[in-house]
Amino acid sequence: MSSEKVRASHILIKHKGSRRKSSWKDPDGHVISSTTRDEAVSQLDALRTELLSDAASFADLASRHSHCSSAKRGGDLGSFGRGQMQKPFEEATFALKVGEISEIVDTDSGVHIIMRTG
């Protein structure tokens, strides 16, 4: 196990296939439970397009749209090493260069876009 660490921010959109169907944005899970994975992906695609065109900052979009409690910190997850996140999330983050934004990443939590920040 290497001691290599990365720092990342993310935007999580949950859907009815997510393991927890509630979030700070949707405490009762009504919206999440009626959102398909495809709908969650198209929401993220639209946000990713906004980011790549510099129409909005990652932190701003994360704080408004992410279902993760990290939204309160603009999506910032802090630093983490290997073995601390779900495997697809970890692999995507470690593959990014600092400042890069991932494609859509699927985990048990939902769908994400990730920006490596360190």
PDB file of N, CA and C in Angstrom:
ATOM      1  N   MET A   1       0.857  -1.184   0.000  1.00  0.00           N
ATOM      2  CA  MET A   1       0.000   0.000   0.000  1.00  0.00           C
ATOM      3  C   MET A   1       0.898   1.242   0.000  1.00  0.00           C
ATOM      4  N   SER A   2       0.756   2.072  -0.995  1.00  0.00           N
ATOM      5  CA  SER A   2       1.601   3.264  -1.034  1.00  0.00           C
ATOM      6  C   SER A   2       1.014   4.323  -0.118  1.00  0.00           C
ATOM      7  N   SER A   3       1.849   5.258   0.277  1.00  0.00           N
ATOM      8  CA  SER A   3       1.372   6.317   1.159  1.00  0.00           C
ATOM      9  C   SER A   3       0.898   7.519   0.336  1.00  0.00           C
ATOM     10  N   GLU A   4       0.814   7.328  -0.981  1.00  0.00           N
ATOM     11  CA  GLU A   4       0.378   8.392  -1.869  1.00  0.00           C
ATOM     12  C   GLU A   4      -1.041   8.839  -1.506  1.00  0.00           C
ATOM     13  N   LYS A   5      -1.214  10.146  -1.464  1.00  0.00           N
ATOM     14  CA  LYS A   5      -2.541  10.686  -1.178  1.00  0.00           C
ATOM     15  C   LYS A   5      -2.940  11.651  -2.279  1.00  0.00           C
ATOM     16  N   VAL A   6      -4.232  11.770  -2.463  1.00  0.00           N
ATOM     17  CA  VAL A   6      -4.770  12.754  -3.398  1.00  0.00           C
ATOM     18  C   VAL A   6      -5.770  13.603  -2.626  1.00  0.00           C
ATOM     19  N   ARG A   7      -6.096  14.727  -3.208  1.00  0.00           N
ATOM     20  CA  ARG A   7      -7.163  15.549  -2.649  1.00  0.00           C
ATOM     21  C   ARG A   7      -8.143  15.784  -3.780  1.00  0.00           C
ATOM     22  N   ALA A   8      -9.431  15.725  -3.461  1.00  0.00           N
ATOM     23  CA  ALA A   8     -10.423  15.863  -4.518  1.00  0.00           C
ATOM     24  C   ALA A   8     -11.703  16.495  -4.009  1.00  0.00           C
ATOM     25  N   SER A   9     -12.442  17.036  -4.955  1.00  0.00           N
ATOM     26  CA  SER A   9     -13.806  17.498  -4.721  1.00  0.00           C
ATOM     27  C   SER A   9     -14.692  16.704  -5.662  1.00  0.00           C
ATOM     28  N   HIS A  10     -15.960  16.584  -5.302  1.00  0.00           N
ATOM     29  CA  HIS A  10     -16.845  15.855  -6.204  1.00  0.00           C
ATOM     30  C   HIS A  10     -18.256  16.409  -6.132  1.00  0.00           C
ATOM     31  N   ILE A  11     -19.025  16.053  -7.134  1.00  0.00           N
ATOM     32  CA  ILE A  11     -20.458  16.314  -7.144  1.00  0.00           C
ATOM     33  C   ILE A  11     -21.108  14.947  -7.268  1.00  0.00           C
ATOM     34  N   LEU A  12     -21.958  14.621  -6.312  1.00  0.00           N
ATOM     35  CA  LEU A  12     -22.659  13.339  -6.279  1.00  0.00           C
ATOM     36  C   LEU A  12     -24.124  13.563  -6.588  1.00  0.00           C
ATOM     37  N   ILE A  13     -24.637  12.807  -7.532  1.00  0.00           N
ATOM     38  CA  ILE A  13     -26.076  12.789  -7.773  1.00  0.00           C
ATOM     39  C   ILE A  13     -26.545  11.362  -7.474  1.00  0.00           C
ATOM     40  N   LYS A  14     -27.427  11.255  -6.487  1.00  0.00           N
ATOM     41  CA  LYS A  14     -27.963   9.943  -6.124  1.00  0.00           C
ATOM     42  C   LYS A  14     -29.151   9.617  -7.023  1.00  0.00           C
ATOM     43  N   HIS A  15     -29.443   8.322  -7.100  1.00  0.00           N
ATOM     44  CA  HIS A  15     -30.584   7.866  -7.897  1.00  0.00           C
ATOM     45  C   HIS A  15     -31.188   6.662  -7.191  1.00  0.00           C
ATOM     46  N   LYS A  16     -32.236   6.119  -7.762  1.00  0.00           N
ATOM     47  CA  LYS A  16     -32.950   5.050  -7.053  1.00  0.00           C
ATOM     48  C   LYS A  16     -32.120   3.787  -6.857  1.00  0.00           C
ATOM     49  N   GLY A  17     -31.011   3.664  -7.570  1.00  0.00           N
ATOM     50  CA  GLY A  17     -30.116   2.527  -7.355  1.00  0.00           C
ATOM     51  C   GLY A  17     -29.051   2.796  -6.301  1.00  0.00           C
ATOM     52  N   SER A  18     -29.019   3.990  -5.743  1.00  0.00           N
ATOM     53  CA  SER A  18     -28.007   4.340  -4.732  1.00  0.00           C
ATOM     54  C   SER A  18     -28.280   3.594  -3.435  1.00  0.00           C
ATOM     55  N   ARG A  19     -27.212   3.326  -2.697  1.00  0.00           N
ATOM     56  CA  ARG A  19     -27.423   2.530  -1.478  1.00  0.00           C
ATOM     57  C   ARG A  19     -28.150   3.319  -0.392  1.00  0.00           C
ATOM     58  N   ARG A  20     -27.947   4.623  -0.310  1.00  0.00           N
ATOM     59  CA  ARG A  20     -28.720   5.448   0.643  1.00  0.00           C
ATOM     60  C   ARG A  20     -29.546   6.415  -0.170  1.00  0.00           C
ATOM     61  N   LYS A  21     -30.847   6.388   0.046  1.00  0.00           N
ATOM     62  CA  LYS A  21     -31.735   7.185  -0.799  1.00  0.00           C
ATOM     63  C   LYS A  21     -32.177   8.477  -0.126  1.00  0.00           C
ATOM     64  N   SER A  22     -31.288   9.068   0.652  1.00  0.00           N
ATOM     65  CA  SER A  22     -31.603  10.374   1.228  1.00  0.00           C
ATOM     66  C   SER A  22     -30.327  11.202   1.226  1.00  0.00           C
ATOM     67  N   SER A  23     -30.474  12.496   1.356  1.00  0.00           N
ATOM     68  CA  SER A  23     -29.318  13.385   1.420  1.00  0.00           C
ATOM     69  C   SER A  23     -29.756  14.666   2.112  1.00  0.00           C
ATOM     70  N   TRP A  24     -28.798  15.536   2.347  1.00  0.00           N
ATOM     71  CA  TRP A  24     -29.140  16.824   2.968  1.00  0.00           C
ATOM     72  C   TRP A  24     -30.131  17.587   2.095  1.00  0.00           C
ATOM     73  N   LYS A  25     -30.066  17.391   0.792  1.00  0.00           N
ATOM     74  CA  LYS A  25     -30.967  18.088  -0.140  1.00  0.00           C
ATOM     75  C   LYS A  25     -32.341  17.447  -0.195  1.00  0.00           C
ATOM     76  N   ASP A  26     -32.390  16.169   0.115  1.00  0.00           N
ATOM     77  CA  ASP A  26     -33.613  15.375  -0.059  1.00  0.00           C
ATOM     78  C   ASP A  26     -33.730  14.421   1.135  1.00  0.00           C
ATOM     79  N   PRO A  27     -33.987  14.979   2.343  1.00  0.00           N
ATOM     80  CA  PRO A  27     -33.947  14.168   3.572  1.00  0.00           C
ATOM     81  C   PRO A  27     -34.893  12.967   3.550  1.00  0.00           C
ATOM     82  N   ASP A  28     -36.033  13.089   2.886  1.00  0.00           N
ATOM     83  CA  ASP A  28     -36.982  11.976   2.827  1.00  0.00           C
ATOM     84  C   ASP A  28     -36.744  11.063   1.634  1.00  0.00           C
ATOM     85  N   GLY A  29     -35.858  11.470   0.757  1.00  0.00           N
ATOM     86  CA  GLY A  29     -35.499  10.643  -0.382  1.00  0.00           C
ATOM     87  C   GLY A  29     -36.533  10.574  -1.496  1.00  0.00           C
ATOM     88  N   HIS A  30     -37.510  11.497  -1.492  1.00  0.00           N
ATOM     89  CA  HIS A  30     -38.560  11.450  -2.517  1.00  0.00           C
ATOM     90  C   HIS A  30     -37.996  11.644  -3.917  1.00  0.00           C
ATOM     91  N   VAL A  31     -37.142  12.653  -4.085  1.00  0.00           N
ATOM     92  CA  VAL A  31     -36.581  12.946  -5.402  1.00  0.00           C
ATOM     93  C   VAL A  31     -35.621  11.833  -5.817  1.00  0.00           C
ATOM     94  N   ILE A  32     -34.741  11.447  -4.898  1.00  0.00           N
ATOM     95  CA  ILE A  32     -33.745  10.413  -5.203  1.00  0.00           C
ATOM     96  C   ILE A  32     -34.421   9.105  -5.619  1.00  0.00           C
ATOM     97  N   SER A  33     -35.460   8.712  -4.886  1.00  0.00           N
ATOM     98  CA  SER A  33     -36.138   7.445  -5.163  1.00  0.00           C
ATOM     99  C   SER A  33     -36.848   7.428  -6.504  1.00  0.00           C
ATOM    100  N   SER A  34     -37.129   8.604  -7.046  1.00  0.00           N
ATOM    101  CA  SER A  34     -37.810   8.630  -8.345  1.00  0.00           C
ATOM    102  C   SER A  34     -36.862   9.035  -9.481  1.00  0.00           C
ATOM    103  N   THR A  35     -35.569   9.156  -9.177  1.00  0.00           N
ATOM    104  CA  THR A  35     -34.580   9.521 -10.198  1.00  0.00           C
ATOM    105  C   THR A  35     -33.918   8.262 -10.741  1.00  0.00           C
ATOM    106  N   THR A  36     -33.933   8.102 -12.053  1.00  0.00           N
ATOM    107  CA  THR A  36     -33.241   6.959 -12.650  1.00  0.00           C
ATOM    108  C   THR A  36     -31.745   7.278 -12.755  1.00  0.00           C
ATOM    109  N   ARG A  37     -30.939   6.252 -12.950  1.00  0.00           N
ATOM    110  CA  ARG A  37     -29.508   6.474 -13.137  1.00  0.00           C
ATOM    111  C   ARG A  37     -29.277   7.350 -14.361  1.00  0.00           C
ATOM    112  N   ASP A  38     -30.025   7.097 -15.438  1.00  0.00           N
ATOM    113  CA  ASP A  38     -29.866   7.897 -16.658  1.00  0.00           C
ATOM    114  C   ASP A  38     -30.169   9.373 -16.414  1.00  0.00           C
ATOM    115  N   GLU A  39     -31.188   9.638 -15.607  1.00  0.00           N
ATOM    116  CA  GLU A  39     -31.524  11.036 -15.283  1.00  0.00           C
ATOM    117  C   GLU A  39     -30.404  11.670 -14.458  1.00  0.00           C
ATOM    118  N   ALA A  40     -29.860  10.903 -13.523  1.00  0.00           N
ATOM    119  CA  ALA A  40     -28.758  11.407 -12.701  1.00  0.00           C
ATOM    120  C   ALA A  40     -27.540  11.697 -13.578  1.00  0.00           C
ATOM    121  N   VAL A  41     -27.257  10.800 -14.521  1.00  0.00           N
ATOM    122  CA  VAL A  41     -26.127  10.987 -15.432  1.00  0.00           C
ATOM    123  C   VAL A  41     -26.348  12.222 -16.301  1.00  0.00           C
ATOM    124  N   SER A  42     -27.571  12.430 -16.799  1.00  0.00           N
ATOM    125  CA  SER A  42     -27.754  13.602 -17.660  1.00  0.00           C
ATOM    126  C   SER A  42     -27.666  14.900 -16.855  1.00  0.00           C
ATOM    127  N   GLN A  43     -28.086  14.879 -15.595  1.00  0.00           N
ATOM    128  CA  GLN A  43     -27.886  16.056 -14.732  1.00  0.00           C
ATOM    129  C   GLN A  43     -26.390  16.352 -14.601  1.00  0.00           C
ATOM    130  N   LEU A  44     -25.617  15.304 -14.330  1.00  0.00           N
ATOM    131  CA  LEU A  44     -24.170  15.480 -14.175  1.00  0.00           C
ATOM    132  C   LEU A  44     -23.513  15.916 -15.477  1.00  0.00           C
ATOM    133  N   ASP A  45     -23.962  15.351 -16.589  1.00  0.00           N
ATOM    134  CA  ASP A  45     -23.408  15.755 -17.889  1.00  0.00           C
ATOM    135  C   ASP A  45     -23.596  17.254 -18.102  1.00  0.00           C
ATOM    136  N   ALA A  46     -24.771  17.756 -17.745  1.00  0.00           N
ATOM    137  CA  ALA A  46     -25.054  19.187 -17.900  1.00  0.00           C
ATOM    138  C   ALA A  46     -24.143  20.013 -16.992  1.00  0.00           C
ATOM    139  N   LEU A  47     -23.938  19.555 -15.767  1.00  0.00           N
ATOM    140  CA  LEU A  47     -23.046  20.268 -14.836  1.00  0.00           C
ATOM    141  C   LEU A  47     -21.608  20.232 -15.344  1.00  0.00           C
ATOM    142  N   ARG A  48     -21.193  19.077 -15.865  1.00  0.00           N
ATOM    143  CA  ARG A  48     -19.827  18.937 -16.381  1.00  0.00           C
ATOM    144  C   ARG A  48     -19.599  19.881 -17.560  1.00  0.00           C
ATOM    145  N   THR A  49     -20.606  19.999 -18.428  1.00  0.00           N
ATOM    146  CA  THR A  49     -20.521  20.921 -19.564  1.00  0.00           C
ATOM    147  C   THR A  49     -20.363  22.360 -19.074  1.00  0.00           C
ATOM    148  N   GLU A  50     -21.147  22.707 -18.043  1.00  0.00           N
ATOM    149  CA  GLU A  50     -21.029  24.053 -17.455  1.00  0.00           C
ATOM    150  C   GLU A  50     -19.623  24.291 -16.926  1.00  0.00           C
ATOM    151  N   LEU A  51     -19.082  23.289 -16.233  1.00  0.00           N
ATOM    152  CA  LEU A  51     -17.732  23.412 -15.668  1.00  0.00           C
ATOM    153  C   LEU A  51     -16.683  23.582 -16.757  1.00  0.00           C
ATOM    154  N   LEU A  52     -16.768  22.743 -17.780  1.00  0.00           N
ATOM    155  CA  LEU A  52     -15.750  22.763 -18.826  1.00  0.00           C
ATOM    156  C   LEU A  52     -15.817  24.037 -19.668  1.00  0.00           C
ATOM    157  N   SER A  53     -16.966  24.695 -19.664  1.00  0.00           N
ATOM    158  CA  SER A  53     -17.070  25.956 -20.405  1.00  0.00           C
ATOM    159  C   SER A  53     -16.804  27.155 -19.487  1.00  0.00           C
ATOM    160  N   ASP A  54     -16.374  26.858 -18.251  1.00  0.00           N
ATOM    161  CA  ASP A  54     -16.092  27.903 -17.253  1.00  0.00           C
ATOM    162  C   ASP A  54     -17.302  28.774 -16.939  1.00  0.00           C
ATOM    163  N   ALA A  55     -18.507  28.229 -17.121  1.00  0.00           N
ATOM    164  CA  ALA A  55     -19.722  28.995 -16.821  1.00  0.00           C
ATOM    165  C   ALA A  55     -19.973  29.060 -15.315  1.00  0.00           C
ATOM    166  N   ALA A  56     -19.366  28.148 -14.562  1.00  0.00           N
ATOM    167  CA  ALA A  56     -19.555  28.132 -13.110  1.00  0.00           C
ATOM    168  C   ALA A  56     -18.345  27.457 -12.481  1.00  0.00           C
ATOM    169  N   SER A  57     -18.142  27.717 -11.193  1.00  0.00           N
ATOM    170  CA  SER A  57     -17.019  27.076 -10.505  1.00  0.00           C
ATOM    171  C   SER A  57     -17.474  25.726  -9.953  1.00  0.00           C
ATOM    172  N   PHE A  58     -16.524  24.833  -9.799  1.00  0.00           N
ATOM    173  CA  PHE A  58     -16.827  23.509  -9.263  1.00  0.00           C
ATOM    174  C   PHE A  58     -17.469  23.642  -7.888  1.00  0.00           C
ATOM    175  N   ALA A  59     -16.874  24.478  -7.037  1.00  0.00           N
ATOM    176  CA  ALA A  59     -17.388  24.641  -5.669  1.00  0.00           C
ATOM    177  C   ALA A  59     -18.825  25.154  -5.667  1.00  0.00           C
ATOM    178  N   ASP A  60     -19.118  26.084  -6.558  1.00  0.00           N
ATOM    179  CA  ASP A  60     -20.467  26.644  -6.620  1.00  0.00           C
ATOM    180  C   ASP A  60     -21.473  25.566  -7.033  1.00  0.00           C
ATOM    181  N   LEU A  61     -21.149  24.824  -8.082  1.00  0.00           N
ATOM    182  CA  LEU A  61     -22.066  23.777  -8.544  1.00  0.00           C
ATOM    183  C   LEU A  61     -22.206  22.672  -7.503  1.00  0.00           C
ATOM    184  N   ALA A  62     -21.110  22.299  -6.867  1.00  0.00           N
ATOM    185  CA  ALA A  62     -21.171  21.257  -5.836  1.00  0.00           C
ATOM    186  C   ALA A  62     -22.058  21.703  -4.683  1.00  0.00           C
ATOM    187  N   SER A  63     -21.896  22.947  -4.259  1.00  0.00           N
ATOM    188  CA  SER A  63     -22.678  23.397  -3.104  1.00  0.00           C
ATOM    189  C   SER A  63     -24.168  23.480  -3.430  1.00  0.00           C
ATOM    190  N   ARG A  64     -24.499  23.673  -4.700  1.00  0.00           N
ATOM    191  CA  ARG A  64     -25.909  23.761  -5.085  1.00  0.00           C
ATOM    192  C   ARG A  64     -26.523  22.426  -5.481  1.00  0.00           C
ATOM    193  N   HIS A  65     -25.730  21.500  -6.034  1.00  0.00           N
ATOM    194  CA  HIS A  65     -26.315  20.305  -6.635  1.00  0.00           C
ATOM    195  C   HIS A  65     -25.922  18.975  -6.006  1.00  0.00           C
ATOM    196  N   SER A  66     -24.774  18.904  -5.335  1.00  0.00           N
ATOM    197  CA  SER A  66     -24.300  17.609  -4.845  1.00  0.00           C
ATOM    198  C   SER A  66     -25.164  17.086  -3.706  1.00  0.00           C
ATOM    199  N   HIS A  67     -25.419  15.782  -3.719  1.00  0.00           N
ATOM    200  CA  HIS A  67     -26.171  15.147  -2.642  1.00  0.00           C
ATOM    201  C   HIS A  67     -25.276  14.758  -1.473  1.00  0.00           C
ATOM    202  N   CYS A  68     -23.982  14.955  -1.602  1.00  0.00           N
ATOM    203  CA  CYS A  68     -23.052  14.608  -0.529  1.00  0.00           C
ATOM    204  C   CYS A  68     -22.980  15.752   0.478  1.00  0.00           C
ATOM    205  N   SER A  69     -22.757  15.418   1.741  1.00  0.00           N
ATOM    206  CA  SER A  69     -22.632  16.474   2.752  1.00  0.00           C
ATOM    207  C   SER A  69     -21.409  17.359   2.487  1.00  0.00           C
ATOM    208  N   SER A  70     -20.480  16.891   1.646  1.00  0.00           N
ATOM    209  CA  SER A  70     -19.321  17.712   1.278  1.00  0.00           C
ATOM    210  C   SER A  70     -19.749  18.950   0.488  1.00  0.00           C
ATOM    211  N   ALA A  71     -21.004  18.991   0.046  1.00  0.00           N
ATOM    212  CA  ALA A  71     -21.522  20.171  -0.673  1.00  0.00           C
ATOM    213  C   ALA A  71     -21.305  21.444   0.154  1.00  0.00           C
ATOM    214  N   LYS A  72     -21.397  21.306   1.466  1.00  0.00           N
ATOM    215  CA  LYS A  72     -21.212  22.467   2.352  1.00  0.00           C
ATOM    216  C   LYS A  72     -19.796  23.023   2.268  1.00  0.00           C
ATOM    217  N   ARG A  73     -18.868  22.188   1.761  1.00  0.00           N
ATOM    218  CA  ARG A  73     -17.470  22.617   1.587  1.00  0.00           C
ATOM    219  C   ARG A  73     -17.140  22.738   0.105  1.00  0.00           C
ATOM    220  N   GLY A  74     -18.141  22.981  -0.715  1.00  0.00           N
ATOM    221  CA  GLY A  74     -17.916  23.102  -2.151  1.00  0.00           C
ATOM    222  C   GLY A  74     -17.499  21.792  -2.795  1.00  0.00           C
ATOM    223  N   GLY A  75     -17.883  20.689  -2.167  1.00  0.00           N
ATOM    224  CA  GLY A  75     -17.559  19.367  -2.715  1.00  0.00           C
ATOM    225  C   GLY A  75     -16.245  18.794  -2.234  1.00  0.00           C
ATOM    226  N   ASP A  76     -15.504  19.558  -1.417  1.00  0.00           N
ATOM    227  CA  ASP A  76     -14.164  19.131  -0.993  1.00  0.00           C
ATOM    228  C   ASP A  76     -14.232  17.919  -0.072  1.00  0.00           C
ATOM    229  N   LEU A  77     -13.531  16.856  -0.442  1.00  0.00           N
ATOM    230  CA  LEU A  77     -13.462  15.639   0.369  1.00  0.00           C
ATOM    231  C   LEU A  77     -12.180  15.577   1.188  1.00  0.00           C
ATOM    232  N   GLY A  78     -11.309  16.566   1.011  1.00  0.00           N
ATOM    233  CA  GLY A  78     -10.025  16.518   1.696  1.00  0.00           C
ATOM    234  C   GLY A  78      -9.102  15.508   1.033  1.00  0.00           C
ATOM    235  N   SER A  79      -8.059  15.117   1.754  1.00  0.00           N
ATOM    236  CA  SER A  79      -7.072  14.182   1.221  1.00  0.00           C
ATOM    237  C   SER A  79      -7.431  12.760   1.602  1.00  0.00           C
ATOM    238  N   PHE A  80      -7.109  11.833   0.724  1.00  0.00           N
ATOM    239  CA  PHE A  80      -7.315  10.425   1.052  1.00  0.00           C
ATOM    240  C   PHE A  80      -6.306   9.577   0.296  1.00  0.00           C
ATOM    241  N   GLY A  81      -6.046   8.413   0.858  1.00  0.00           N
ATOM    242  CA  GLY A  81      -5.124   7.470   0.231  1.00  0.00           C
ATOM    243  C   GLY A  81      -5.885   6.320  -0.382  1.00  0.00           C
ATOM    244  N   ARG A  82      -5.146   5.362  -0.894  1.00  0.00           N
ATOM    245  CA  ARG A  82      -5.782   4.187  -1.485  1.00  0.00           C
ATOM    246  C   ARG A  82      -6.476   3.367  -0.395  1.00  0.00           C
ATOM    247  N   GLY A  83      -7.617   2.786  -0.762  1.00  0.00           N
ATOM    248  CA  GLY A  83      -8.334   1.936   0.187  1.00  0.00           C
ATOM    249  C   GLY A  83      -9.324   2.685   1.064  1.00  0.00           C
ATOM    250  N   GLN A  84      -9.439   3.996   0.895  1.00  0.00           N
ATOM    251  CA  GLN A  84     -10.334   4.777   1.752  1.00  0.00           C
ATOM    252  C   GLN A  84     -11.672   5.111   1.089  1.00  0.00           C
ATOM    253  N   MET A  85     -11.712   5.026  -0.227  1.00  0.00           N
ATOM    254  CA  MET A  85     -12.933   5.342  -0.964  1.00  0.00           C
ATOM    255  C   MET A  85     -13.375   4.101  -1.731  1.00  0.00           C
ATOM    256  N   GLN A  86     -14.602   4.134  -2.249  1.00  0.00           N
ATOM    257  CA  GLN A  86     -15.035   3.026  -3.095  1.00  0.00           C
ATOM    258  C   GLN A  86     -14.088   2.939  -4.292  1.00  0.00           C
ATOM    259  N   LYS A  87     -13.794   1.714  -4.704  1.00  0.00           N
ATOM    260  CA  LYS A  87     -12.761   1.455  -5.713  1.00  0.00           C
ATOM    261  C   LYS A  87     -12.911   2.291  -6.999  1.00  0.00           C
ATOM    262  N   PRO A  88     -14.089   2.361  -7.611  1.00  0.00           N
ATOM    263  CA  PRO A  88     -14.188   3.137  -8.858  1.00  0.00           C
ATOM    264  C   PRO A  88     -13.857   4.619  -8.636  1.00  0.00           C
ATOM    265  N   PHE A  89     -14.261   5.132  -7.474  1.00  0.00           N
ATOM    266  CA  PHE A  89     -14.004   6.534  -7.139  1.00  0.00           C
ATOM    267  C   PHE A  89     -12.506   6.750  -6.958  1.00  0.00           C
ATOM    268  N   GLU A  90     -11.892   5.866  -6.198  1.00  0.00           N
ATOM    269  CA  GLU A  90     -10.447   5.950  -5.951  1.00  0.00           C
ATOM    270  C   GLU A  90      -9.667   5.882  -7.264  1.00  0.00           C
ATOM    271  N   GLU A  91      -9.989   4.888  -8.101  1.00  0.00           N
ATOM    272  CA  GLU A  91      -9.243   4.716  -9.352  1.00  0.00           C
ATOM    273  C   GLU A  91      -9.376   5.935 -10.252  1.00  0.00           C
ATOM    274  N   ALA A  92     -10.585   6.477 -10.344  1.00  0.00           N
ATOM    275  CA  ALA A  92     -10.801   7.659 -11.182  1.00  0.00           C
ATOM    276  C   ALA A  92     -10.004   8.851 -10.654  1.00  0.00           C
ATOM    277  N   THR A  93     -10.015   9.033  -9.339  1.00  0.00           N
ATOM    278  CA  THR A  93      -9.321  10.187  -8.747  1.00  0.00           C
ATOM    279  C   THR A  93      -7.816  10.090  -8.942  1.00  0.00           C
ATOM    280  N   PHE A  94      -7.252   8.914  -8.681  1.00  0.00           N
ATOM    281  CA  PHE A  94      -5.806   8.749  -8.823  1.00  0.00           C
ATOM    282  C   PHE A  94      -5.368   8.878 -10.281  1.00  0.00           C
ATOM    283  N   ALA A  95      -6.274   8.620 -11.216  1.00  0.00           N
ATOM    284  CA  ALA A  95      -5.935   8.709 -12.640  1.00  0.00           C
ATOM    285  C   ALA A  95      -5.938  10.151 -13.154  1.00  0.00           C
ATOM    286  N   LEU A  96      -6.568  11.052 -12.409  1.00  0.00           N
ATOM    287  CA  LEU A  96      -6.652  12.449 -12.850  1.00  0.00           C
ATOM    288  C   LEU A  96      -5.377  13.213 -12.526  1.00  0.00           C
ATOM    289  N   LYS A  97      -5.102  14.241 -13.303  1.00  0.00           N
ATOM    290  CA  LYS A  97      -4.058  15.203 -12.948  1.00  0.00           C
ATOM    291  C   LYS A  97      -4.737  16.299 -12.127  1.00  0.00           C
ATOM    292  N   VAL A  98      -3.963  17.006 -11.327  1.00  0.00           N
ATOM    293  CA  VAL A  98      -4.520  18.096 -10.528  1.00  0.00           C
ATOM    294  C   VAL A  98      -5.216  19.098 -11.456  1.00  0.00           C
ATOM    295  N   GLY A  99      -6.446  19.439 -11.106  1.00  0.00           N
ATOM    296  CA  GLY A  99      -7.216  20.388 -11.908  1.00  0.00           C
ATOM    297  C   GLY A  99      -8.114  19.737 -12.943  1.00  0.00           C
ATOM    298  N   GLU A 100      -7.900  18.453 -13.206  1.00  0.00           N
ATOM    299  CA  GLU A 100      -8.732  17.749 -14.195  1.00  0.00           C
ATOM    300  C   GLU A 100     -10.061  17.326 -13.584  1.00  0.00           C
ATOM    301  N   ILE A 101     -11.060  17.224 -14.453  1.00  0.00           N
ATOM    302  CA  ILE A 101     -12.394  16.788 -14.053  1.00  0.00           C
ATOM    303  C   ILE A 101     -12.680  15.459 -14.737  1.00  0.00           C
ATOM    304  N   SER A 102     -13.172  14.520 -13.959  1.00  0.00           N
ATOM    305  CA  SER A 102     -13.421  13.170 -14.473  1.00  0.00           C
ATOM    306  C   SER A 102     -14.642  13.125 -15.384  1.00  0.00           C
ATOM    307  N   GLU A 103     -14.734  12.007 -16.086  1.00  0.00           N
ATOM    308  CA  GLU A 103     -15.985  11.629 -16.741  1.00  0.00           C
ATOM    309  C   GLU A 103     -16.922  11.201 -15.604  1.00  0.00           C
ATOM    310  N   ILE A 104     -18.100  10.701 -15.956  1.00  0.00           N
ATOM    311  CA  ILE A 104     -19.041  10.195 -14.956  1.00  0.00           C
ATOM    312  C   ILE A 104     -18.456   8.940 -14.310  1.00  0.00           C
ATOM    313  N   VAL A 105     -18.493   8.881 -12.973  1.00  0.00           N
ATOM    314  CA  VAL A 105     -17.995   7.727 -12.235  1.00  0.00           C
ATOM    315  C   VAL A 105     -19.160   7.137 -11.437  1.00  0.00           C
ATOM    316  N   ASP A 106     -19.389   5.847 -11.622  1.00  0.00           N
ATOM    317  CA  ASP A 106     -20.462   5.124 -10.934  1.00  0.00           C
ATOM    318  C   ASP A 106     -19.943   4.470  -9.667  1.00  0.00           C
ATOM    319  N   THR A 107     -20.636   4.665  -8.525  1.00  0.00           N
ATOM    320  CA  THR A 107     -20.335   3.896  -7.316  1.00  0.00           C
ATOM    321  C   THR A 107     -21.665   3.471  -6.694  1.00  0.00           C
ATOM    322  N   ASP A 108     -21.582   2.742  -5.598  1.00  0.00           N
ATOM    323  CA  ASP A 108     -22.800   2.346  -4.880  1.00  0.00           C
ATOM    324  C   ASP A 108     -23.542   3.561  -4.337  1.00  0.00           C
ATOM    325  N   SER A 109     -22.846   4.671  -4.198  1.00  0.00           N
ATOM    326  CA  SER A 109     -23.467   5.887  -3.652  1.00  0.00           C
ATOM    327  C   SER A 109     -24.281   6.643  -4.693  1.00  0.00           C
ATOM    328  N   GLY A 110     -23.930   6.481  -5.958  1.00  0.00           N
ATOM    329  CA  GLY A 110     -24.598   7.221  -7.032  1.00  0.00           C
ATOM    330  C   GLY A 110     -23.610   7.495  -8.150  1.00  0.00           C
ATOM    331  N   VAL A 111     -23.839   8.580  -8.872  1.00  0.00           N
ATOM    332  CA  VAL A 111     -22.915   8.952  -9.940  1.00  0.00           C
ATOM    333  C   VAL A 111     -22.208  10.254  -9.560  1.00  0.00           C
ATOM    334  N   HIS A 112     -20.956  10.352  -9.936  1.00  0.00           N
ATOM    335  CA  HIS A 112     -20.116  11.470  -9.513  1.00  0.00           C
ATOM    336  C   HIS A 112     -19.378  12.079 -10.706  1.00  0.00           C
ATOM    337  N   ILE A 113     -19.012  13.347 -10.561  1.00  0.00           N
ATOM    338  CA  ILE A 113     -17.894  13.892 -11.314  1.00  0.00           C
ATOM    339  C   ILE A 113     -16.906  14.353 -10.248  1.00  0.00           C
ATOM    340  N   ILE A 114     -15.652  14.127 -10.528  1.00  0.00           N
ATOM    341  CA  ILE A 114     -14.586  14.359  -9.558  1.00  0.00           C
ATOM    342  C   ILE A 114     -13.594  15.348 -10.131  1.00  0.00           C
ATOM    343  N   MET A 115     -13.143  16.271  -9.309  1.00  0.00           N
ATOM    344  CA  MET A 115     -12.048  17.150  -9.691  1.00  0.00           C
ATOM    345  C   MET A 115     -10.911  16.917  -8.709  1.00  0.00           C
ATOM    346  N   ARG A 116      -9.777  16.520  -9.263  1.00  0.00           N
ATOM    347  CA  ARG A 116      -8.603  16.339  -8.392  1.00  0.00           C
ATOM    348  C   ARG A 116      -8.042  17.711  -8.073  1.00  0.00           C
ATOM    349  N   THR A 117      -7.840  17.972  -6.791  1.00  0.00           N
ATOM    350  CA  THR A 117      -7.369  19.293  -6.372  1.00  0.00           C
ATOM    351  C   THR A 117      -5.985  19.249  -5.750  1.00  0.00           C
ATOM    352  N   GLY A 118      -5.465  18.053  -5.552  1.00  0.00           N
ATOM    353  CA  GLY A 118      -4.114  17.973  -4.979  1.00  0.00           C
ATOM    354  C   GLY A 118      -3.591  16.562  -4.983  1.00  0.00           C
TER     355      GLY A 118
END
